C-alpha atoms as a PDB file:
ATOM      1  CA  MET A   1       0.000   0.000   0.000  1.00  0.00           C
ATOM      2  CA  ALA A   2       1.382   3.399  -1.019  1.00  0.00           C
ATOM      3  CA  LEU A   3       1.805   6.258   1.421  1.00  0.00           C
ATOM      4  CA  TYR A   4      -0.872   8.291  -0.371  1.00  0.00           C
ATOM      5  CA  ASP A   5      -3.399   5.454  -0.057  1.00  0.00           C
ATOM      6  CA  GLY A   6      -2.641   5.233   3.645  1.00  0.00           C
ATOM      7  CA  ILE A   7      -3.190   8.951   4.118  1.00  0.00           C
ATOM      8  CA  THR A   8      -6.414   9.106   2.132  1.00  0.00           C
ATOM      9  CA  GLY A   9      -7.873   5.806   3.323  1.00  0.00           C
ATOM     10  CA  TRP A  10      -7.350   6.392   7.023  1.00  0.00           C
ATOM     11  CA  GLN A  11     -10.260   7.658   9.109  1.00  0.00           C
ATOM     12  CA  TRP A  12      -9.123  11.086  10.267  1.00  0.00           C
ATOM     13  CA  PRO A  13     -10.526  12.605  13.454  1.00  0.00           C
ATOM     14  CA  GLU A  14     -12.546  15.759  12.840  1.00  0.00           C
ATOM     15  CA  SER A  15      -9.987  17.880  14.700  1.00  0.00           C
ATOM     16  CA  LEU A  16      -7.327  16.904  12.121  1.00  0.00           C
ATOM     17  CA  SER A  17      -9.409  17.635   9.022  1.00  0.00           C
ATOM     18  CA  ARG A  18      -7.338  20.720   8.120  1.00  0.00           C
ATOM     19  CA  LEU A  19      -4.155  18.671   8.361  1.00  0.00           C
ATOM     20  CA  ARG A  20      -5.696  16.062   6.095  1.00  0.00           C
ATOM     21  CA  GLU A  21      -6.632  18.716   3.529  1.00  0.00           C
ATOM     22  CA  GLN A  22      -3.096  20.110   3.574  1.00  0.00           C
ATOM     23  CA  LEU A  23      -1.558  16.655   3.193  1.00  0.00           C
ATOM     24  CA  ASN A  24      -3.876  15.912   0.273  1.00  0.00           C
ATOM     25  CA  LEU A  25      -2.789  19.159  -1.403  1.00  0.00           C
ATOM     26  CA  LEU A  26       0.850  18.284  -0.787  1.00  0.00           C
ATOM     27  CA  MET A  27       0.402  14.822  -2.268  1.00  0.00           C
ATOM     28  CA  LEU A  28      -1.364  16.341  -5.286  1.00  0.00           C
ATOM     29  CA  GLU A  29       1.562  18.709  -5.888  1.00  0.00           C
ATOM     30  CA  LEU A  30       4.189  16.014  -5.379  1.00  0.00           C
ATOM     31  CA  GLY A  31       2.332  13.688  -7.729  1.00  0.00           C
ATOM     32  CA  ARG A  32       2.002  16.389 -10.412  1.00  0.00           C
ATOM     33  CA  GLY A  33      -1.626  15.434 -10.928  1.00  0.00           C
ATOM     34  CA  GLU A  34      -4.465  17.372 -12.535  1.00  0.00           C
ATOM     35  CA  GLY A  35      -5.093  20.559 -10.584  1.00  0.00           C
ATOM     36  CA  SER A  36      -1.529  20.820  -9.311  1.00  0.00           C
ATOM     37  CA  LEU A  37       0.615  23.859  -9.966  1.00  0.00           C
ATOM     38  CA  TRP A  38       2.898  21.753 -12.160  1.00  0.00           C
ATOM     39  CA  SER A  39      -0.071  20.730 -14.294  1.00  0.00           C
ATOM     40  CA  GLU A  40      -1.180  24.323 -14.592  1.00  0.00           C
ATOM     41  CA  VAL A  41       2.248  25.631 -15.549  1.00  0.00           C
ATOM     42  CA  VAL A  42       3.389  22.841 -17.856  1.00  0.00           C
ATOM     43  CA  LYS A  43       0.205  21.629 -19.499  1.00  0.00           C
ATOM     44  CA  GLU A  44      -2.036  24.681 -19.553  1.00  0.00           C
ATOM     45  CA  SER A  45       0.729  27.123 -20.480  1.00  0.00           C
ATOM     46  CA  SER A  46       0.924  25.630 -23.954  1.00  0.00           C
ATOM     47  CA  ASP A  47      -2.789  26.174 -24.651  1.00  0.00           C
ATOM     48  CA  PRO A  48      -3.111  29.071 -27.154  1.00  0.00           C
ATOM     49  CA  THR A  49      -6.776  29.641 -26.246  1.00  0.00           C
ATOM     50  CA  LEU A  50      -5.709  30.534 -22.689  1.00  0.00           C
ATOM     51  CA  HIS A  51      -2.403  32.187 -23.582  1.00  0.00           C
ATOM     52  CA  PRO A  52      -2.489  33.568 -27.156  1.00  0.00           C
ATOM     53  CA  GLU A  53       0.915  35.204 -26.674  1.00  0.00           C
ATOM     54  CA  ILE A  54       2.658  31.838 -27.066  1.00  0.00           C
ATOM     55  CA  GLN A  55       1.954  32.088 -30.791  1.00  0.00           C
ATOM     56  CA  TRP A  56       3.834  35.384 -31.088  1.00  0.00           C
ATOM     57  CA  ASP A  57       7.347  35.490 -32.462  1.00  0.00           C
ATOM     58  CA  ALA A  58       9.758  36.475 -29.715  1.00  0.00           C
ATOM     59  CA  GLU A  59      12.594  38.838 -30.478  1.00  0.00           C
ATOM     60  CA  VAL A  60      15.741  38.769 -28.404  1.00  0.00           C
ATOM     61  CA  ARG A  61      17.965  41.797 -28.269  1.00  0.00           C
ATOM     62  CA  LEU A  62      21.654  40.986 -28.430  1.00  0.00           C
ATOM     63  CA  GLY A  63      23.868  43.522 -26.735  1.00  0.00           C
ATOM     64  CA  ASP A  64      23.184  46.296 -24.281  1.00  0.00           C
ATOM     65  CA  GLU A  65      21.906  49.007 -26.645  1.00  0.00           C
ATOM     66  CA  LEU A  66      18.279  50.101 -26.705  1.00  0.00           C
ATOM     67  CA  CYS A  67      16.383  49.742 -29.957  1.00  0.00           C
ATOM     68  CA  PHE A  68      15.355  52.807 -31.994  1.00  0.00           C
ATOM     69  CA  SER A  69      11.766  52.903 -30.696  1.00  0.00           C
ATOM     70  CA  GLU A  70      12.914  52.697 -27.054  1.00  0.00           C
ATOM     71  CA  LYS A  71      15.402  55.538 -27.580  1.00  0.00           C
ATOM     72  CA  ALA A  72      12.665  57.611 -29.242  1.00  0.00           C
ATOM     73  CA  PHE A  73      10.310  56.929 -26.329  1.00  0.00           C
ATOM     74  CA  LEU A  74      12.930  58.063 -23.791  1.00  0.00           C
ATOM     75  CA  ARG A  75      13.656  61.251 -25.760  1.00  0.00           C
ATOM     76  CA  GLU A  76       9.950  62.091 -25.966  1.00  0.00           C
ATOM     77  CA  ARG A  77       9.391  61.337 -22.272  1.00  0.00           C
ATOM     78  CA  LYS A  78      12.292  63.591 -21.285  1.00  0.00           C
ATOM     79  CA  ARG A  79      10.906  66.360 -23.489  1.00  0.00           C
ATOM     80  CA  ARG A  80       7.445  66.052 -21.903  1.00  0.00           C
ATOM     81  CA  MET A  81       8.839  65.841 -18.355  1.00  0.00           C
ATOM     82  CA  LEU A  82      10.979  68.968 -18.663  1.00  0.00           C
ATOM     83  CA  SER A  83       8.416  71.466 -17.312  1.00  0.00           C
ATOM     84  CA  SER A  84       7.199  69.121 -14.578  1.00  0.00           C
ATOM     85  CA  PHE A  85      10.761  68.479 -13.460  1.00  0.00           C
ATOM     86  CA  ALA A  86      11.470  72.228 -13.315  1.00  0.00           C
ATOM     87  CA  SER A  87       8.362  72.917 -11.242  1.00  0.00           C
ATOM     88  CA  LEU A  88       9.104  69.981  -8.919  1.00  0.00           C
ATOM     89  CA  PHE A  89      12.491  71.449  -8.008  1.00  0.00           C
ATOM     90  CA  GLU A  90      11.232  75.046  -8.259  1.00  0.00           C
ATOM     91  CA  VAL A  91      13.824  76.204 -10.782  1.00  0.00           C
ATOM     92  CA  PRO A  92      13.299  78.123 -14.024  1.00  0.00           C
ATOM     93  CA  LEU A  93      12.740  75.995 -17.109  1.00  0.00           C
ATOM     94  CA  SER A  94      15.755  77.622 -18.751  1.00  0.00           C
ATOM     95  CA  GLU A  95      18.066  76.100 -16.133  1.00  0.00           C
ATOM     96  CA  ILE A  96      16.992  72.514 -16.883  1.00  0.00           C
ATOM     97  CA  ASP A  97      18.702  70.522 -19.593  1.00  0.00           C
ATOM     98  CA  GLU A  98      17.126  67.333 -20.956  1.00  0.00           C
ATOM     99  CA  ARG A  99      20.154  65.436 -19.696  1.00  0.00           C
ATOM    100  CA  ASP A 100      19.150  66.473 -16.142  1.00  0.00           C
ATOM    101  CA  ILE A 101      15.933  64.463 -16.360  1.00  0.00           C
ATOM    102  CA  PRO A 102      16.452  61.048 -14.749  1.00  0.00           C
ATOM    103  CA  ILE A 103      15.880  57.995 -16.899  1.00  0.00           C
ATOM    104  CA  VAL A 104      14.278  56.124 -14.019  1.00  0.00           C
ATOM    105  CA  ALA A 105      10.929  57.564 -12.974  1.00  0.00           C
ATOM    106  CA  ILE A 106      10.952  59.357  -9.631  1.00  0.00           C
ATOM    107  CA  ALA A 107       7.253  58.776  -8.954  1.00  0.00           C
ATOM    108  CA  GLY A 108       8.230  55.912  -6.647  1.00  0.00           C
ATOM    109  CA  MET A 109       9.651  58.431  -4.189  1.00  0.00           C
ATOM    110  CA  ASP A 110       6.222  60.085  -3.900  1.00  0.00           C
ATOM    111  CA  LEU A 111       4.742  56.753  -2.885  1.00  0.00           C
ATOM    112  CA  ILE A 112       7.448  56.208  -0.285  1.00  0.00           C
ATOM    113  CA  ILE A 113       6.802  59.652   1.217  1.00  0.00           C
ATOM    114  CA  ILE A 114       3.041  59.067   1.298  1.00  0.00           C
ATOM    115  CA  LEU A 115       3.544  55.671   2.922  1.00  0.00           C
ATOM    116  CA  PHE A 116       5.940  57.163   5.494  1.00  0.00           C
ATOM    117  CA  LEU A 117       3.458  59.919   6.360  1.00  0.00           C
ATOM    118  CA  ALA A 118       0.588  57.448   6.604  1.00  0.00           C
ATOM    119  CA  ILE A 119       2.585  55.257   8.980  1.00  0.00           C
ATOM    120  CA  LYS A 120       3.720  58.248  11.023  1.00  0.00           C
ATOM    121  CA  LEU A 121       0.162  59.617  11.320  1.00  0.00           C
ATOM    122  CA  SER A 122      -1.242  56.243  12.331  1.00  0.00           C
ATOM    123  CA  PHE A 123       0.883  56.135  15.501  1.00  0.00           C
END
């Protein structure tokens, strides 16, 4: 008799029902049966009706240079951010050069400040 049969065939006391459920889930995952995470990842990931992107042609960039469209996007974003950046630091627009605009967005800092203030006010 297999270990799984012993676990599922045994009469579990009501107080151990949660343990039984967890052991059944563990055995399902270890056995890679239907409904397990392995089944979901391996079998269902190749189904184009669920994941149409698997039919797309992937392009891999070789090297560390950005492609033309990514460079154009960054240039346009820097151009649009120029006035906002100047007002954020309260300096005249004429003093800001596009090279001063950070490539990484600084909006994350706003969230950190808001979170810090929320935590501070809650105490």
